[in-house]
Protein backbone atom coordinates (compact mmCIF):
# COMPACT_ATOMS: atom_id res chain seq x y z
CA MET A 1 7.55 22.95 -6.11
CA PRO A 2 8.41 22.03 -2.54
CA LEU A 3 11.11 19.46 -1.93
CA VAL A 4 10.47 16.54 0.40
CA LYS A 5 13.06 14.31 1.98
CA VAL A 6 12.94 10.51 1.92
CA LYS A 7 13.25 9.41 5.54
CA ARG A 8 13.78 6.16 7.35
CA HIS A 9 11.61 3.32 6.00
CA PHE A 10 11.33 5.34 2.73
CA GLN A 11 8.66 7.64 4.20
CA VAL A 12 7.96 11.10 2.80
CA THR A 13 5.86 13.89 4.30
CA MET A 14 3.50 15.71 1.97
CA PRO A 15 3.25 19.48 2.39
CA SER A 16 0.06 20.43 4.24
CA ASN A 17 -1.08 22.83 1.51
CA MET A 18 -0.99 19.96 -1.02
CA CYS A 19 -2.97 17.73 1.34
CA ARG A 20 -5.62 20.44 1.74
CA MET A 21 -5.68 21.08 -2.01
CA PHE A 22 -6.42 17.41 -2.73
CA ASP A 23 -8.47 16.69 0.42
CA ILE A 24 -5.97 14.13 1.70
CA GLY A 25 -6.09 13.30 5.39
CA VAL A 26 -4.23 11.09 7.83
CA GLY A 27 -4.97 7.45 7.05
CA ASP A 28 -6.13 8.08 3.47
CA LEU A 29 -4.88 5.79 0.74
CA LEU A 30 -2.72 6.88 -2.18
CA GLU A 31 -1.96 4.85 -5.27
CA ILE A 32 1.64 5.15 -6.43
CA VAL A 33 2.17 4.96 -10.18
CA LYS A 34 5.19 5.23 -12.45
CA GLN A 35 4.41 7.55 -15.37
CA HIS A 36 7.25 7.87 -17.85
CA ASN A 37 10.16 8.60 -15.52
CA GLU A 38 8.13 10.15 -12.66
CA ILE A 39 6.42 8.96 -9.49
CA VAL A 40 2.76 9.99 -9.30
CA LEU A 41 0.60 9.72 -6.17
CA LYS A 42 -3.15 9.43 -6.77
CA PRO A 43 -5.72 9.71 -3.97
CA VAL A 44 -7.95 6.64 -3.74
CA LYS A 45 -11.32 6.42 -1.99
CA VAL A 46 -12.36 2.93 -0.95
CA VAL A 47 -16.05 2.14 -1.37
CA GLN A 48 -17.67 -0.66 0.62
CA PRO A 49 -19.19 -3.38 -1.64
CA GLY A 50 -22.73 -2.58 -0.46
CA GLN A 51 -22.26 1.09 -1.39
CA VAL A 52 -20.85 0.68 -4.92
CA TYR A 53 -24.17 1.37 -6.68
CA PHE A 54 -24.46 4.80 -5.05
CA TYR A 55 -21.22 5.82 -6.77
CA SER A 56 -22.30 4.59 -10.22
CA GLU A 57 -22.78 7.06 -13.06
CA GLU A 58 -26.49 6.18 -13.25
CA TRP A 59 -27.08 6.92 -9.57
CA GLN A 60 -25.13 10.17 -9.69
CA GLN A 61 -27.08 11.40 -12.74
CA ASP A 62 -30.37 10.60 -10.96
CA GLU A 63 -29.16 12.52 -7.90
CA ILE A 64 -28.46 15.56 -10.08
CA LYS A 65 -31.96 15.32 -11.61
CA ALA A 66 -33.56 15.00 -8.19
CA ALA A 67 -31.65 18.00 -6.85
CA LYS A 68 -32.92 20.08 -9.77
CA GLY A 69 -36.50 18.81 -9.30
CA ASP A 70 -36.41 17.18 -12.76
CA VAL A 71 -37.59 13.74 -11.66
CA PHE A 72 -41.27 14.41 -11.07
CA GLY A 73 -41.27 18.20 -11.05
CA CYS A 74 -42.39 20.60 -8.37
CA PHE A 75 -45.96 20.59 -7.08
CA ASP A 76 -48.26 23.30 -5.82
CA ASN A 77 -49.90 20.98 -3.33
CA ILE A 78 -49.70 17.51 -1.83
CA LYS A 79 -52.64 16.12 -3.83
CA LYS A 80 -50.93 16.84 -7.17
CA GLY A 81 -47.69 15.37 -5.89
CA LEU A 82 -49.31 12.15 -4.65
CA LYS A 83 -51.29 11.74 -7.88
CA THR A 84 -48.09 12.07 -9.93
CA LEU A 85 -46.26 9.56 -7.73
CA LYS A 86 -49.12 7.04 -7.92
CA THR A 87 -49.25 7.19 -11.72
CA ALA A 88 -45.48 7.31 -12.27
CA LYS A 89 -43.90 4.44 -14.15
CA ILE A 90 -40.90 3.65 -12.04
């Protein structure tokens, strides 16, 4: 484990390999939590209010289905695809 030094204004510098490992960049937010007798830093991603739904479990599961082609299936031609979409109960 690398040691870091507490500097003026109680700032610490995270080792670059740890930042890469956890995809932490300049300006990112970290939550600081006391667990037992330790300090834990947790990366936090802020989501704009209008984008919250896209990060919901329901949306993410639907994205996985769509990526696999499980939503309406794969079609041999455009006519079959359009017919399926027109009759789909969405």
